């Protein structure tokens, strides 16, 4: 995913990280205040809020790099396929038949993968 795409989306990784940090900070502050006020149930609730924020931070930290690397790998693979098509067309293959065969192979692969 390019930086321009990330900026145009509603929930960018930066936004999620900010919200998660806010949850963590609110959870910690809430635990402190409710512990002083001797409200155990409220302290546990704020603990869960802080844990949720930490979990979101963990997920964003793990998933965003994985998605970005998969997207760049797909772009590299697409460029390699296009180069192969151009070489085969230059060697005398019919471009329309070749692209139809590639499309059919994609659909076959998606069906066999359950997509």
N, C-alpha and C. Protein backbone atom coordinates (compact mmCIF):
# COMPACT_ATOMS: atom_id res chain seq x y z
N UNK A 1 0.85 -1.16 0.00
CA UNK A 1 0.00 0.00 0.00
C UNK A 1 0.90 1.23 0.00
N UNK A 2 0.58 2.17 -0.86
CA UNK A 2 1.39 3.37 -0.93
C UNK A 2 1.01 4.34 0.18
N UNK A 3 1.87 5.30 0.40
CA UNK A 3 1.60 6.30 1.44
C UNK A 3 0.38 7.14 1.09
N UNK A 4 0.17 7.39 -0.21
CA UNK A 4 -1.00 8.17 -0.63
C UNK A 4 -2.29 7.41 -0.33
N UNK A 5 -2.29 6.10 -0.56
CA UNK A 5 -3.47 5.29 -0.25
C UNK A 5 -3.76 5.30 1.25
N UNK A 6 -2.71 5.22 2.05
CA UNK A 6 -2.88 5.20 3.50
C UNK A 6 -3.47 6.51 4.00
N UNK A 7 -3.11 7.62 3.38
CA UNK A 7 -3.62 8.91 3.82
C UNK A 7 -5.09 9.10 3.47
N UNK A 8 -5.56 8.44 2.43
CA UNK A 8 -6.94 8.64 2.00
C UNK A 8 -7.92 7.72 2.73
N UNK A 9 -7.43 6.75 3.45
CA UNK A 9 -8.33 5.84 4.15
C UNK A 9 -8.77 6.45 5.47
N UNK A 10 -9.95 6.01 5.91
CA UNK A 10 -10.53 6.56 7.14
C UNK A 10 -9.74 6.12 8.37
N UNK A 11 -9.44 4.84 8.47
CA UNK A 11 -8.71 4.33 9.64
C UNK A 11 -7.29 3.93 9.22
N UNK A 12 -6.41 4.89 9.22
CA UNK A 12 -5.03 4.60 8.89
C UNK A 12 -4.36 3.95 10.11
N UNK A 13 -3.25 3.29 9.91
CA UNK A 13 -2.53 2.73 11.06
C UNK A 13 -2.17 3.79 12.10
N UNK A 14 -1.86 4.98 11.64
CA UNK A 14 -1.52 6.05 12.58
C UNK A 14 -2.72 6.40 13.46
N UNK A 15 -3.91 6.46 12.86
CA UNK A 15 -5.13 6.75 13.61
C UNK A 15 -5.41 5.65 14.63
N UNK A 16 -5.27 4.42 14.20
CA UNK A 16 -5.50 3.30 15.12
C UNK A 16 -4.51 3.30 16.28
N UNK A 17 -3.24 3.59 15.96
CA UNK A 17 -2.24 3.64 17.04
C UNK A 17 -2.57 4.75 18.03
N UNK A 18 -3.00 5.91 17.53
CA UNK A 18 -3.37 7.01 18.41
C UNK A 18 -4.54 6.66 19.31
N UNK A 19 -5.56 6.02 18.73
CA UNK A 19 -6.72 5.62 19.52
C UNK A 19 -6.32 4.57 20.56
N UNK A 20 -5.45 3.65 20.16
CA UNK A 20 -5.01 2.61 21.09
C UNK A 20 -4.20 3.21 22.25
N UNK A 21 -3.34 4.16 21.94
CA UNK A 21 -2.58 4.82 23.00
C UNK A 21 -3.50 5.60 23.94
N UNK A 22 -4.54 6.20 23.37
CA UNK A 22 -5.52 6.90 24.19
C UNK A 22 -6.24 5.92 25.12
N UNK A 23 -6.60 4.75 24.60
CA UNK A 23 -7.23 3.72 25.45
C UNK A 23 -6.29 3.28 26.57
N UNK A 24 -5.02 3.08 26.23
CA UNK A 24 -4.05 2.66 27.25
C UNK A 24 -3.91 3.73 28.34
N UNK A 25 -3.78 4.98 27.92
CA UNK A 25 -3.62 6.06 28.90
C UNK A 25 -4.87 6.21 29.76
N UNK A 26 -6.04 6.13 29.13
CA UNK A 26 -7.30 6.23 29.89
C UNK A 26 -7.44 5.06 30.85
N UNK A 27 -7.03 3.88 30.41
CA UNK A 27 -7.10 2.71 31.28
C UNK A 27 -6.21 2.84 32.49
N UNK A 28 -5.00 3.30 32.29
CA UNK A 28 -4.06 3.46 33.42
C UNK A 28 -4.56 4.53 34.38
N UNK A 29 -4.96 5.69 33.82
CA UNK A 29 -5.45 6.77 34.69
C UNK A 29 -6.71 6.32 35.44
N UNK A 30 -7.60 5.63 34.75
CA UNK A 30 -8.82 5.15 35.39
C UNK A 30 -8.54 4.14 36.49
N UNK A 31 -7.57 3.26 36.26
CA UNK A 31 -7.22 2.28 37.29
C UNK A 31 -6.67 2.97 38.54
N UNK A 32 -5.85 3.98 38.32
CA UNK A 32 -5.27 4.68 39.46
C UNK A 32 -6.36 5.40 40.26
N UNK A 33 -7.21 6.14 39.57
CA UNK A 33 -8.26 6.92 40.25
C UNK A 33 -9.24 6.00 40.97
N UNK A 34 -9.69 4.94 40.30
CA UNK A 34 -10.68 4.06 40.92
C UNK A 34 -10.07 3.20 42.02
N UNK A 35 -8.78 2.93 41.93
CA UNK A 35 -8.13 2.20 43.03
C UNK A 35 -8.04 3.08 44.27
N UNK A 36 -7.73 4.35 44.08
CA UNK A 36 -7.69 5.28 45.21
C UNK A 36 -9.08 5.42 45.83
N UNK A 37 -10.10 5.43 44.96
CA UNK A 37 -11.48 5.56 45.45
C UNK A 37 -12.02 4.24 45.98
N UNK A 38 -11.21 3.20 45.97
CA UNK A 38 -11.56 1.88 46.48
C UNK A 38 -12.77 1.27 45.73
N UNK A 39 -12.76 1.45 44.41
CA UNK A 39 -13.78 0.87 43.54
C UNK A 39 -13.13 -0.22 42.70
N UNK A 40 -13.14 -1.43 43.22
CA UNK A 40 -12.42 -2.54 42.59
C UNK A 40 -13.02 -2.88 41.23
N UNK A 41 -14.34 -2.94 41.15
CA UNK A 41 -14.98 -3.28 39.87
C UNK A 41 -14.64 -2.28 38.77
N UNK A 42 -14.66 -0.99 39.11
CA UNK A 42 -14.32 0.04 38.12
C UNK A 42 -12.84 -0.05 37.74
N UNK A 43 -11.98 -0.37 38.69
CA UNK A 43 -10.56 -0.51 38.39
C UNK A 43 -10.33 -1.66 37.42
N UNK A 44 -11.05 -2.75 37.61
CA UNK A 44 -10.93 -3.89 36.69
C UNK A 44 -11.43 -3.51 35.30
N UNK A 45 -12.53 -2.75 35.25
CA UNK A 45 -13.06 -2.29 33.96
C UNK A 45 -12.03 -1.43 33.23
N UNK A 46 -11.42 -0.50 33.94
CA UNK A 46 -10.39 0.33 33.31
C UNK A 46 -9.17 -0.51 32.92
N UNK A 47 -8.90 -1.55 33.67
CA UNK A 47 -7.82 -2.46 33.29
C UNK A 47 -8.10 -3.14 31.96
N UNK A 48 -9.37 -3.54 31.77
CA UNK A 48 -9.75 -4.14 30.48
C UNK A 48 -9.66 -3.13 29.34
N UNK A 49 -10.00 -1.88 29.63
CA UNK A 49 -9.89 -0.83 28.61
C UNK A 49 -8.43 -0.65 28.20
N UNK A 50 -7.54 -0.59 29.19
CA UNK A 50 -6.11 -0.48 28.88
C UNK A 50 -5.58 -1.69 28.14
N UNK A 51 -6.05 -2.87 28.52
CA UNK A 51 -5.61 -4.10 27.84
C UNK A 51 -6.10 -4.11 26.39
N UNK A 52 -7.29 -3.60 26.14
CA UNK A 52 -7.80 -3.51 24.78
C UNK A 52 -6.93 -2.60 23.93
N UNK A 53 -6.53 -1.48 24.50
CA UNK A 53 -5.63 -0.58 23.79
C UNK A 53 -4.30 -1.24 23.48
N UNK A 54 -3.76 -1.97 24.42
CA UNK A 54 -2.50 -2.68 24.20
C UNK A 54 -2.65 -3.75 23.13
N UNK A 55 -3.79 -4.43 23.13
CA UNK A 55 -4.05 -5.47 22.13
C UNK A 55 -4.15 -4.87 20.73
N UNK A 56 -4.80 -3.71 20.62
CA UNK A 56 -4.90 -3.04 19.32
C UNK A 56 -3.52 -2.61 18.84
N UNK A 57 -2.69 -2.09 19.73
CA UNK A 57 -1.32 -1.73 19.36
C UNK A 57 -0.55 -2.94 18.84
N UNK A 58 -0.72 -4.05 19.52
CA UNK A 58 -0.06 -5.28 19.10
C UNK A 58 -0.53 -5.71 17.71
N UNK A 59 -1.83 -5.71 17.49
CA UNK A 59 -2.38 -6.12 16.20
C UNK A 59 -1.93 -5.20 15.07
N UNK A 60 -1.97 -3.90 15.30
CA UNK A 60 -1.54 -2.96 14.26
C UNK A 60 -0.06 -3.16 13.97
N UNK A 61 0.73 -3.36 14.99
CA UNK A 61 2.17 -3.56 14.80
C UNK A 61 2.50 -4.83 14.03
N UNK A 62 1.67 -5.84 14.17
CA UNK A 62 1.92 -7.11 13.47
C UNK A 62 1.30 -7.11 12.08
N UNK A 63 0.07 -6.63 11.95
CA UNK A 63 -0.66 -6.76 10.69
C UNK A 63 -0.26 -5.75 9.63
N UNK A 64 0.03 -4.52 10.00
CA UNK A 64 0.35 -3.51 8.99
C UNK A 64 1.59 -3.87 8.18
N UNK A 65 2.71 -4.25 8.79
CA UNK A 65 3.86 -4.65 7.97
C UNK A 65 3.57 -5.87 7.09
N UNK A 66 2.78 -6.81 7.61
CA UNK A 66 2.46 -8.01 6.83
C UNK A 66 1.63 -7.65 5.60
N UNK A 67 0.66 -6.77 5.76
CA UNK A 67 -0.19 -6.36 4.64
C UNK A 67 0.62 -5.57 3.62
N UNK A 68 1.48 -4.68 4.10
CA UNK A 68 2.29 -3.88 3.18
C UNK A 68 3.26 -4.74 2.39
N UNK A 69 3.87 -5.73 3.03
CA UNK A 69 4.80 -6.59 2.30
C UNK A 69 4.06 -7.47 1.30
N UNK A 70 2.86 -7.92 1.65
CA UNK A 70 2.07 -8.73 0.72
C UNK A 70 1.66 -7.89 -0.48
N UNK A 71 1.30 -6.63 -0.27
CA UNK A 71 0.90 -5.76 -1.37
C UNK A 71 2.07 -5.51 -2.30
N UNK A 72 3.26 -5.26 -1.75
CA UNK A 72 4.41 -5.02 -2.61
C UNK A 72 4.81 -6.29 -3.35
N UNK A 73 4.66 -7.45 -2.73
CA UNK A 73 4.97 -8.71 -3.40
C UNK A 73 4.01 -8.92 -4.57
N UNK A 74 2.73 -8.59 -4.40
CA UNK A 74 1.76 -8.72 -5.47
C UNK A 74 2.11 -7.80 -6.64
N UNK A 75 2.56 -6.59 -6.35
CA UNK A 75 2.93 -5.66 -7.42
C UNK A 75 4.14 -6.18 -8.18
N UNK A 76 5.11 -6.75 -7.47
CA UNK A 76 6.28 -7.31 -8.13
C UNK A 76 5.88 -8.50 -9.00
N UNK A 77 4.99 -9.34 -8.48
CA UNK A 77 4.52 -10.50 -9.24
C UNK A 77 3.75 -10.06 -10.48
N UNK A 78 2.92 -9.04 -10.35
CA UNK A 78 2.16 -8.53 -11.50
C UNK A 78 3.09 -7.97 -12.57
N UNK A 79 4.13 -7.28 -12.15
CA UNK A 79 5.10 -6.75 -13.11
C UNK A 79 5.83 -7.89 -13.82
N UNK A 80 6.15 -8.95 -13.09
CA UNK A 80 6.83 -10.10 -13.71
C UNK A 80 5.92 -10.79 -14.72
N UNK A 81 4.64 -10.92 -14.39
CA UNK A 81 3.69 -11.54 -15.33
C UNK A 81 3.54 -10.68 -16.57
N UNK A 82 3.43 -9.38 -16.39
CA UNK A 82 3.30 -8.49 -17.55
C UNK A 82 4.54 -8.55 -18.43
N UNK A 83 5.73 -8.63 -17.83
CA UNK A 83 6.96 -8.79 -18.61
C UNK A 83 6.93 -10.09 -19.41
N UNK A 84 6.46 -11.16 -18.77
CA UNK A 84 6.38 -12.44 -19.47
C UNK A 84 5.40 -12.38 -20.63
N UNK A 85 4.27 -11.71 -20.43
CA UNK A 85 3.29 -11.55 -21.51
C UNK A 85 3.92 -10.80 -22.68
N UNK A 86 4.62 -9.72 -22.38
CA UNK A 86 5.25 -8.94 -23.44
C UNK A 86 6.30 -9.76 -24.20
N UNK A 87 7.07 -10.58 -23.49
CA UNK A 87 8.06 -11.44 -24.16
C UNK A 87 7.38 -12.46 -25.07
N UNK A 88 6.29 -13.07 -24.58
CA UNK A 88 5.58 -14.06 -25.39
C UNK A 88 4.91 -13.42 -26.61
N UNK A 89 4.37 -12.22 -26.45
CA UNK A 89 3.78 -11.52 -27.58
C UNK A 89 4.87 -11.16 -28.59
N UNK A 90 6.02 -10.72 -28.10
CA UNK A 90 7.13 -10.40 -29.00
C UNK A 90 7.62 -11.65 -29.73
N UNK A 91 7.46 -12.81 -29.10
CA UNK A 91 7.89 -14.06 -29.73
C UNK A 91 6.84 -14.60 -30.70
N UNK A 92 5.67 -13.93 -30.79
CA UNK A 92 4.67 -14.33 -31.77
C UNK A 92 3.37 -14.84 -31.21
N UNK A 93 3.19 -14.87 -29.92
CA UNK A 93 1.92 -15.34 -29.34
C UNK A 93 0.84 -14.28 -29.54
N UNK A 94 -0.41 -14.74 -29.67
CA UNK A 94 -1.54 -13.82 -29.79
C UNK A 94 -1.84 -13.25 -28.40
N UNK A 95 -1.78 -11.92 -28.27
CA UNK A 95 -1.93 -11.29 -26.96
C UNK A 95 -3.32 -11.52 -26.37
N UNK A 96 -4.36 -11.44 -27.19
CA UNK A 96 -5.72 -11.63 -26.68
C UNK A 96 -5.92 -13.04 -26.14
N UNK A 97 -5.43 -14.05 -26.86
CA UNK A 97 -5.54 -15.43 -26.38
C UNK A 97 -4.73 -15.63 -25.10
N UNK A 98 -3.56 -15.04 -25.06
CA UNK A 98 -2.70 -15.17 -23.90
C UNK A 98 -3.34 -14.55 -22.66
N UNK A 99 -3.91 -13.36 -22.79
CA UNK A 99 -4.56 -12.71 -21.65
C UNK A 99 -5.82 -13.46 -21.22
N UNK A 100 -6.55 -14.04 -22.19
CA UNK A 100 -7.71 -14.85 -21.84
C UNK A 100 -7.28 -16.08 -21.04
N UNK A 101 -6.19 -16.71 -21.44
CA UNK A 101 -5.68 -17.87 -20.72
C UNK A 101 -5.24 -17.51 -19.31
N UNK A 102 -4.60 -16.36 -19.17
CA UNK A 102 -4.17 -15.91 -17.84
C UNK A 102 -5.38 -15.64 -16.96
N UNK A 103 -6.40 -14.99 -17.51
CA UNK A 103 -7.62 -14.71 -16.74
C UNK A 103 -8.30 -16.01 -16.31
N UNK A 104 -8.35 -16.98 -17.21
CA UNK A 104 -8.95 -18.27 -16.87
C UNK A 104 -8.15 -18.97 -15.77
N UNK A 105 -6.83 -18.87 -15.83
CA UNK A 105 -5.99 -19.48 -14.79
C UNK A 105 -6.20 -18.80 -13.44
N UNK A 106 -6.38 -17.49 -13.46
CA UNK A 106 -6.64 -16.76 -12.21
C UNK A 106 -7.95 -17.22 -11.59
N UNK A 107 -9.00 -17.30 -12.42
CA UNK A 107 -10.30 -17.74 -11.91
C UNK A 107 -10.24 -19.18 -11.39
N UNK A 108 -9.52 -20.03 -12.09
CA UNK A 108 -9.37 -21.41 -11.64
C UNK A 108 -8.64 -21.47 -10.30
N UNK A 109 -7.60 -20.66 -10.16
CA UNK A 109 -6.87 -20.63 -8.90
C UNK A 109 -7.71 -20.09 -7.76
N UNK A 110 -8.53 -19.08 -8.03
CA UNK A 110 -9.40 -18.54 -6.98
C UNK A 110 -10.45 -19.55 -6.55
N UNK A 111 -10.99 -20.29 -7.51
CA UNK A 111 -12.00 -21.31 -7.16
C UNK A 111 -11.39 -22.43 -6.35
N UNK A 112 -10.20 -22.86 -6.73
CA UNK A 112 -9.57 -23.97 -6.01
C UNK A 112 -9.09 -23.54 -4.63
N UNK A 113 -8.84 -22.21 -4.45
CA UNK A 113 -8.41 -21.72 -3.13
C UNK A 113 -9.61 -21.37 -2.27
N UNK A 114 -10.80 -21.37 -2.85
CA UNK A 114 -12.00 -21.07 -2.07
C UNK A 114 -12.31 -19.60 -1.95
N UNK A 115 -11.68 -18.74 -2.78
CA UNK A 115 -11.94 -17.29 -2.72
C UNK A 115 -13.21 -16.92 -3.42
